[in-house]
Amino acid sequence: MSNRPGLAALRGALGDRRRNLVALVLVVVPVALAVIVGSRVALYGAALAAFVVWMAWFVLTAVDWLERADF
């Protein structure tokens, strides 16, 4: 067991490039489309989508961190 198992597990969970890239794309595409459309409803929908993606990313990363951690 290492001296800082939680920190090492956090680095591993945050280092999942695929999950990070998918989340980034799922946020950028709706925001870009909403900016192109230019309506307030589209911007609200894009902000809502970004929030949902961020929450999903947060939960998946937290679950991954807990699975990796050796407390």
PDB file of N, CA and C in Angstrom:
ATOM      1  N   MET A   1       0.842  -1.165   0.000  1.00  0.00           N
ATOM      2  CA  MET A   1       0.000   0.000   0.000  1.00  0.00           C
ATOM      3  C   MET A   1       0.895   1.239   0.000  1.00  0.00           C
ATOM      4  N   SER A   2       0.577   2.193  -0.875  1.00  0.00           N
ATOM      5  CA  SER A   2       1.392   3.395  -0.958  1.00  0.00           C
ATOM      6  C   SER A   2       1.029   4.366   0.159  1.00  0.00           C
ATOM      7  N   ASN A   3       1.845   5.392   0.303  1.00  0.00           N
ATOM      8  CA  ASN A   3       1.595   6.386   1.342  1.00  0.00           C
ATOM      9  C   ASN A   3       0.399   7.271   1.015  1.00  0.00           C
ATOM     10  N   ARG A   4       0.134   7.493  -0.287  1.00  0.00           N
ATOM     11  CA  ARG A   4      -0.962   8.362  -0.696  1.00  0.00           C
ATOM     12  C   ARG A   4      -1.824   7.647  -1.730  1.00  0.00           C
ATOM     13  N   PRO A   5      -2.569   6.641  -1.316  1.00  0.00           N
ATOM     14  CA  PRO A   5      -3.347   5.873  -2.289  1.00  0.00           C
ATOM     15  C   PRO A   5      -4.474   6.673  -2.927  1.00  0.00           C
ATOM     16  N   GLY A   6      -5.056   7.589  -2.189  1.00  0.00           N
ATOM     17  CA  GLY A   6      -6.144   8.392  -2.731  1.00  0.00           C
ATOM     18  C   GLY A   6      -5.679   9.318  -3.839  1.00  0.00           C
ATOM     19  N   LEU A   7      -4.511   9.911  -3.651  1.00  0.00           N
ATOM     20  CA  LEU A   7      -3.968  10.826  -4.657  1.00  0.00           C
ATOM     21  C   LEU A   7      -3.575  10.085  -5.925  1.00  0.00           C
ATOM     22  N   ALA A   8      -2.966   8.931  -5.773  1.00  0.00           N
ATOM     23  CA  ALA A   8      -2.598   8.133  -6.947  1.00  0.00           C
ATOM     24  C   ALA A   8      -3.847   7.669  -7.699  1.00  0.00           C
ATOM     25  N   ALA A   9      -4.876   7.285  -6.970  1.00  0.00           N
ATOM     26  CA  ALA A   9      -6.126   6.870  -7.601  1.00  0.00           C
ATOM     27  C   ALA A   9      -6.792   8.041  -8.307  1.00  0.00           C
ATOM     28  N   LEU A  10      -6.706   9.221  -7.716  1.00  0.00           N
ATOM     29  CA  LEU A  10      -7.292  10.416  -8.338  1.00  0.00           C
ATOM     30  C   LEU A  10      -6.568  10.760  -9.626  1.00  0.00           C
ATOM     31  N   ARG A  11      -5.247  10.673  -9.611  1.00  0.00           N
ATOM     32  CA  ARG A  11      -4.483  10.921 -10.844  1.00  0.00           C
ATOM     33  C   ARG A  11      -4.879   9.927 -11.933  1.00  0.00           C
ATOM     34  N   GLY A  12      -5.061   8.692 -11.563  1.00  0.00           N
ATOM     35  CA  GLY A  12      -5.465   7.680 -12.531  1.00  0.00           C
ATOM     36  C   GLY A  12      -6.861   7.928 -13.074  1.00  0.00           C
ATOM     37  N   ALA A  13      -7.785   8.309 -12.188  1.00  0.00           N
ATOM     38  CA  ALA A  13      -9.160   8.565 -12.623  1.00  0.00           C
ATOM     39  C   ALA A  13      -9.243   9.794 -13.517  1.00  0.00           C
ATOM     40  N   LEU A  14      -8.490  10.833 -13.171  1.00  0.00           N
ATOM     41  CA  LEU A  14      -8.502  12.045 -13.990  1.00  0.00           C
ATOM     42  C   LEU A  14      -7.708  11.879 -15.278  1.00  0.00           C
ATOM     43  N   GLY A  15      -6.891  10.871 -15.358  1.00  0.00           N
ATOM     44  CA  GLY A  15      -6.063  10.646 -16.539  1.00  0.00           C
ATOM     45  C   GLY A  15      -6.755   9.867 -17.644  1.00  0.00           C
ATOM     46  N   ASP A  16      -8.031   9.570 -17.489  1.00  0.00           N
ATOM     47  CA  ASP A  16      -8.771   8.842 -18.521  1.00  0.00           C
ATOM     48  C   ASP A  16      -9.043   9.794 -19.684  1.00  0.00           C
ATOM     49  N   ARG A  17      -8.161   9.775 -20.673  1.00  0.00           N
ATOM     50  CA  ARG A  17      -8.252  10.721 -21.788  1.00  0.00           C
ATOM     51  C   ARG A  17      -9.511  10.516 -22.614  1.00  0.00           C
ATOM     52  N   ARG A  18      -9.935   9.291 -22.773  1.00  0.00           N
ATOM     53  CA  ARG A  18     -11.125   9.021 -23.584  1.00  0.00           C
ATOM     54  C   ARG A  18     -12.365   9.653 -22.959  1.00  0.00           C
ATOM     55  N   ARG A  19     -12.555   9.458 -21.654  1.00  0.00           N
ATOM     56  CA  ARG A  19     -13.699  10.036 -20.967  1.00  0.00           C
ATOM     57  C   ARG A  19     -13.644  11.562 -21.020  1.00  0.00           C
ATOM     58  N   ASN A  20     -12.457  12.128 -20.835  1.00  0.00           N
ATOM     59  CA  ASN A  20     -12.308  13.578 -20.872  1.00  0.00           C
ATOM     60  C   ASN A  20     -12.605  14.139 -22.259  1.00  0.00           C
ATOM     61  N   LEU A  21     -12.116  13.463 -23.288  1.00  0.00           N
ATOM     62  CA  LEU A  21     -12.333  13.929 -24.655  1.00  0.00           C
ATOM     63  C   LEU A  21     -13.802  13.830 -25.055  1.00  0.00           C
ATOM     64  N   VAL A  22     -14.453  12.744 -24.700  1.00  0.00           N
ATOM     65  CA  VAL A  22     -15.882  12.586 -25.014  1.00  0.00           C
ATOM     66  C   VAL A  22     -16.690  13.672 -24.307  1.00  0.00           C
ATOM     67  N   ALA A  23     -16.384  13.943 -23.059  1.00  0.00           N
ATOM     68  CA  ALA A  23     -17.101  14.989 -22.329  1.00  0.00           C
ATOM     69  C   ALA A  23     -16.868  16.348 -22.974  1.00  0.00           C
ATOM     70  N   LEU A  24     -15.651  16.618 -23.370  1.00  0.00           N
ATOM     71  CA  LEU A  24     -15.339  17.894 -24.011  1.00  0.00           C
ATOM     72  C   LEU A  24     -16.111  18.061 -25.314  1.00  0.00           C
ATOM     73  N   VAL A  25     -16.139  17.018 -26.126  1.00  0.00           N
ATOM     74  CA  VAL A  25     -16.869  17.081 -27.401  1.00  0.00           C
ATOM     75  C   VAL A  25     -18.363  17.261 -27.148  1.00  0.00           C
ATOM     76  N   LEU A  26     -18.896  16.545 -26.163  1.00  0.00           N
ATOM     77  CA  LEU A  26     -20.325  16.646 -25.864  1.00  0.00           C
ATOM     78  C   LEU A  26     -20.716  17.997 -25.284  1.00  0.00           C
ATOM     79  N   VAL A  27     -19.760  18.773 -24.852  1.00  0.00           N
ATOM     80  CA  VAL A  27     -20.040  20.131 -24.384  1.00  0.00           C
ATOM     81  C   VAL A  27     -19.825  21.141 -25.506  1.00  0.00           C
ATOM     82  N   VAL A  28     -18.736  20.996 -26.241  1.00  0.00           N
ATOM     83  CA  VAL A  28     -18.377  21.993 -27.252  1.00  0.00           C
ATOM     84  C   VAL A  28     -19.348  21.993 -28.433  1.00  0.00           C
ATOM     85  N   VAL A  29     -19.762  20.830 -28.895  1.00  0.00           N
ATOM     86  CA  VAL A  29     -20.635  20.759 -30.074  1.00  0.00           C
ATOM     87  C   VAL A  29     -21.975  21.461 -29.832  1.00  0.00           C
ATOM     88  N   PRO A  30     -22.705  21.175 -28.759  1.00  0.00           N
ATOM     89  CA  PRO A  30     -23.967  21.899 -28.555  1.00  0.00           C
ATOM     90  C   PRO A  30     -23.775  23.410 -28.352  1.00  0.00           C
ATOM     91  N   VAL A  31     -22.711  23.780 -27.665  1.00  0.00           N
ATOM     92  CA  VAL A  31     -22.460  25.212 -27.469  1.00  0.00           C
ATOM     93  C   VAL A  31     -22.162  25.881 -28.807  1.00  0.00           C
ATOM     94  N   ALA A  32     -21.359  25.247 -29.637  1.00  0.00           N
ATOM     95  CA  ALA A  32     -21.047  25.814 -30.958  1.00  0.00           C
ATOM     96  C   ALA A  32     -22.308  25.926 -31.810  1.00  0.00           C
ATOM     97  N   LEU A  33     -23.135  24.893 -31.791  1.00  0.00           N
ATOM     98  CA  LEU A  33     -24.384  24.950 -32.555  1.00  0.00           C
ATOM     99  C   LEU A  33     -25.313  26.041 -32.032  1.00  0.00           C
ATOM    100  N   ALA A  34     -25.371  26.198 -30.725  1.00  0.00           N
ATOM    101  CA  ALA A  34     -26.221  27.238 -30.143  1.00  0.00           C
ATOM    102  C   ALA A  34     -25.712  28.628 -30.501  1.00  0.00           C
ATOM    103  N   VAL A  35     -24.410  28.800 -30.542  1.00  0.00           N
ATOM    104  CA  VAL A  35     -23.847  30.095 -30.930  1.00  0.00           C
ATOM    105  C   VAL A  35     -24.156  30.379 -32.396  1.00  0.00           C
ATOM    106  N   ILE A  36     -24.087  29.358 -33.225  1.00  0.00           N
ATOM    107  CA  ILE A  36     -24.412  29.536 -34.644  1.00  0.00           C
ATOM    108  C   ILE A  36     -25.884  29.905 -34.812  1.00  0.00           C
ATOM    109  N   VAL A  37     -26.767  29.200 -34.102  1.00  0.00           N
ATOM    110  CA  VAL A  37     -28.202  29.486 -34.187  1.00  0.00           C
ATOM    111  C   VAL A  37     -28.493  30.859 -33.585  1.00  0.00           C
ATOM    112  N   GLY A  38     -27.915  31.126 -32.452  1.00  0.00           N
ATOM    113  CA  GLY A  38     -28.016  32.449 -31.844  1.00  0.00           C
ATOM    114  C   GLY A  38     -29.277  32.738 -31.057  1.00  0.00           C
ATOM    115  N   SER A  39     -30.108  31.759 -30.800  1.00  0.00           N
ATOM    116  CA  SER A  39     -31.310  32.029 -30.007  1.00  0.00           C
ATOM    117  C   SER A  39     -31.037  31.756 -28.532  1.00  0.00           C
ATOM    118  N   ARG A  40     -31.824  32.409 -27.710  1.00  0.00           N
ATOM    119  CA  ARG A  40     -31.661  32.231 -26.265  1.00  0.00           C
ATOM    120  C   ARG A  40     -32.057  30.823 -25.845  1.00  0.00           C
ATOM    121  N   VAL A  41     -33.051  30.263 -26.505  1.00  0.00           N
ATOM    122  CA  VAL A  41     -33.488  28.906 -26.177  1.00  0.00           C
ATOM    123  C   VAL A  41     -32.382  27.904 -26.504  1.00  0.00           C
ATOM    124  N   ALA A  42     -31.714  28.089 -27.640  1.00  0.00           N
ATOM    125  CA  ALA A  42     -30.615  27.198 -28.017  1.00  0.00           C
ATOM    126  C   ALA A  42     -29.453  27.322 -27.023  1.00  0.00           C
ATOM    127  N   LEU A  43     -29.166  28.536 -26.599  1.00  0.00           N
ATOM    128  CA  LEU A  43     -28.089  28.727 -25.620  1.00  0.00           C
ATOM    129  C   LEU A  43     -28.456  28.098 -24.270  1.00  0.00           C
ATOM    130  N   TYR A  44     -29.707  28.221 -23.878  1.00  0.00           N
ATOM    131  CA  TYR A  44     -30.156  27.591 -22.630  1.00  0.00           C
ATOM    132  C   TYR A  44     -30.045  26.075 -22.732  1.00  0.00           C
ATOM    133  N   GLY A  45     -30.481  25.520 -23.866  1.00  0.00           N
ATOM    134  CA  GLY A  45     -30.378  24.078 -24.073  1.00  0.00           C
ATOM    135  C   GLY A  45     -28.937  23.598 -24.061  1.00  0.00           C
ATOM    136  N   ALA A  46     -28.045  24.390 -24.669  1.00  0.00           N
ATOM    137  CA  ALA A  46     -26.628  24.023 -24.675  1.00  0.00           C
ATOM    138  C   ALA A  46     -26.036  24.087 -23.267  1.00  0.00           C
ATOM    139  N   ALA A  47     -26.438  25.092 -22.507  1.00  0.00           N
ATOM    140  CA  ALA A  47     -25.960  25.190 -21.129  1.00  0.00           C
ATOM    141  C   ALA A  47     -26.480  24.026 -20.290  1.00  0.00           C
ATOM    142  N   LEU A  48     -27.726  23.656 -20.511  1.00  0.00           N
ATOM    143  CA  LEU A  48     -28.295  22.515 -19.802  1.00  0.00           C
ATOM    144  C   LEU A  48     -27.579  21.221 -20.183  1.00  0.00           C
ATOM    145  N   ALA A  49     -27.301  21.052 -21.468  1.00  0.00           N
ATOM    146  CA  ALA A  49     -26.568  19.867 -21.924  1.00  0.00           C
ATOM    147  C   ALA A  49     -25.166  19.840 -21.317  1.00  0.00           C
ATOM    148  N   ALA A  50     -24.506  21.000 -21.272  1.00  0.00           N
ATOM    149  CA  ALA A  50     -23.165  21.076 -20.688  1.00  0.00           C
ATOM    150  C   ALA A  50     -23.198  20.693 -19.212  1.00  0.00           C
ATOM    151  N   PHE A  51     -24.221  21.139 -18.498  1.00  0.00           N
ATOM    152  CA  PHE A  51     -24.339  20.794 -17.083  1.00  0.00           C
ATOM    153  C   PHE A  51     -24.541  19.293 -16.895  1.00  0.00           C
ATOM    154  N   VAL A  52     -25.396  18.701 -17.712  1.00  0.00           N
ATOM    155  CA  VAL A  52     -25.663  17.263 -17.617  1.00  0.00           C
ATOM    156  C   VAL A  52     -24.391  16.467 -17.910  1.00  0.00           C
ATOM    157  N   VAL A  53     -23.661  16.875 -18.936  1.00  0.00           N
ATOM    158  CA  VAL A  53     -22.410  16.182 -19.284  1.00  0.00           C
ATOM    159  C   VAL A  53     -21.400  16.334 -18.161  1.00  0.00           C
ATOM    160  N   TRP A  54     -21.299  17.534 -17.598  1.00  0.00           N
ATOM    161  CA  TRP A  54     -20.354  17.739 -16.514  1.00  0.00           C
ATOM    162  C   TRP A  54     -20.703  16.876 -15.310  1.00  0.00           C
ATOM    163  N   MET A  55     -21.979  16.785 -14.970  1.00  0.00           N
ATOM    164  CA  MET A  55     -22.380  15.956 -13.836  1.00  0.00           C
ATOM    165  C   MET A  55     -22.101  14.481 -14.101  1.00  0.00           C
ATOM    166  N   ALA A  56     -22.382  14.029 -15.319  1.00  0.00           N
ATOM    167  CA  ALA A  56     -22.095  12.632 -15.660  1.00  0.00           C
ATOM    168  C   ALA A  56     -20.596  12.370 -15.593  1.00  0.00           C
ATOM    169  N   TRP A  57     -19.788  13.308 -16.120  1.00  0.00           N
ATOM    170  CA  TRP A  57     -18.336  13.155 -16.062  1.00  0.00           C
ATOM    171  C   TRP A  57     -17.875  13.101 -14.603  1.00  0.00           C
ATOM    172  N   PHE A  58     -18.425  13.968 -13.776  1.00  0.00           N
ATOM    173  CA  PHE A  58     -18.042  14.022 -12.375  1.00  0.00           C
ATOM    174  C   PHE A  58     -18.354  12.708 -11.668  1.00  0.00           C
ATOM    175  N   VAL A  59     -19.546  12.177 -11.875  1.00  0.00           N
ATOM    176  CA  VAL A  59     -19.949  10.930 -11.217  1.00  0.00           C
ATOM    177  C   VAL A  59     -19.092   9.768 -11.718  1.00  0.00           C
ATOM    178  N   LEU A  60     -18.881   9.669 -13.031  1.00  0.00           N
ATOM    179  CA  LEU A  60     -18.060   8.579 -13.567  1.00  0.00           C
ATOM    180  C   LEU A  60     -16.623   8.662 -13.057  1.00  0.00           C
ATOM    181  N   THR A  61     -16.087   9.859 -12.974  1.00  0.00           N
ATOM    182  CA  THR A  61     -14.727  10.026 -12.459  1.00  0.00           C
ATOM    183  C   THR A  61     -14.658   9.678 -10.976  1.00  0.00           C
ATOM    184  N   ALA A  62     -15.659  10.063 -10.213  1.00  0.00           N
ATOM    185  CA  ALA A  62     -15.680   9.742  -8.784  1.00  0.00           C
ATOM    186  C   ALA A  62     -15.787   8.235  -8.562  1.00  0.00           C
ATOM    187  N   VAL A  63     -16.612   7.568  -9.352  1.00  0.00           N
ATOM    188  CA  VAL A  63     -16.744   6.113  -9.224  1.00  0.00           C
ATOM    189  C   VAL A  63     -15.420   5.440  -9.587  1.00  0.00           C
ATOM    190  N   ASP A  64     -14.785   5.916 -10.653  1.00  0.00           N
ATOM    191  CA  ASP A  64     -13.487   5.368 -11.053  1.00  0.00           C
ATOM    192  C   ASP A  64     -12.454   5.592  -9.957  1.00  0.00           C
ATOM    193  N   TRP A  65     -12.462   6.766  -9.347  1.00  0.00           N
ATOM    194  CA  TRP A  65     -11.524   7.066  -8.269  1.00  0.00           C
ATOM    195  C   TRP A  65     -11.746   6.124  -7.082  1.00  0.00           C
ATOM    196  N   LEU A  66     -13.006   5.913  -6.721  1.00  0.00           N
ATOM    197  CA  LEU A  66     -13.286   5.029  -5.594  1.00  0.00           C
ATOM    198  C   LEU A  66     -12.896   3.588  -5.886  1.00  0.00           C
ATOM    199  N   GLU A  67     -13.052   3.169  -7.146  1.00  0.00           N
ATOM    200  CA  GLU A  67     -12.646   1.798  -7.507  1.00  0.00           C
ATOM    201  C   GLU A  67     -11.127   1.630  -7.452  1.00  0.00           C
ATOM    202  N   ARG A  68     -10.401   2.683  -7.819  1.00  0.00           N
ATOM    203  CA  ARG A  68      -8.935   2.598  -7.852  1.00  0.00           C
ATOM    204  C   ARG A  68      -8.297   2.781  -6.478  1.00  0.00           C
ATOM    205  N   ALA A  69      -8.960   3.512  -5.595  1.00  0.00           N
ATOM    206  CA  ALA A  69      -8.378   3.867  -4.313  1.00  0.00           C
ATOM    207  C   ALA A  69      -8.220   2.628  -3.413  1.00  0.00           C
ATOM    208  N   ASP A  70      -7.157   2.637  -2.653  1.00  0.00           N
ATOM    209  CA  ASP A  70      -6.869   1.554  -1.700  1.00  0.00           C
ATOM    210  C   ASP A  70      -6.723   2.199  -0.329  1.00  0.00           C
ATOM    211  N   PHE A  71      -7.851   2.464   0.298  1.00  0.00           N
ATOM    212  CA  PHE A  71      -7.828   3.167   1.582  1.00  0.00           C
ATOM    213  C   PHE A  71      -7.619   2.197   2.724  1.00  0.00           C
TER     214      PHE A  71
END
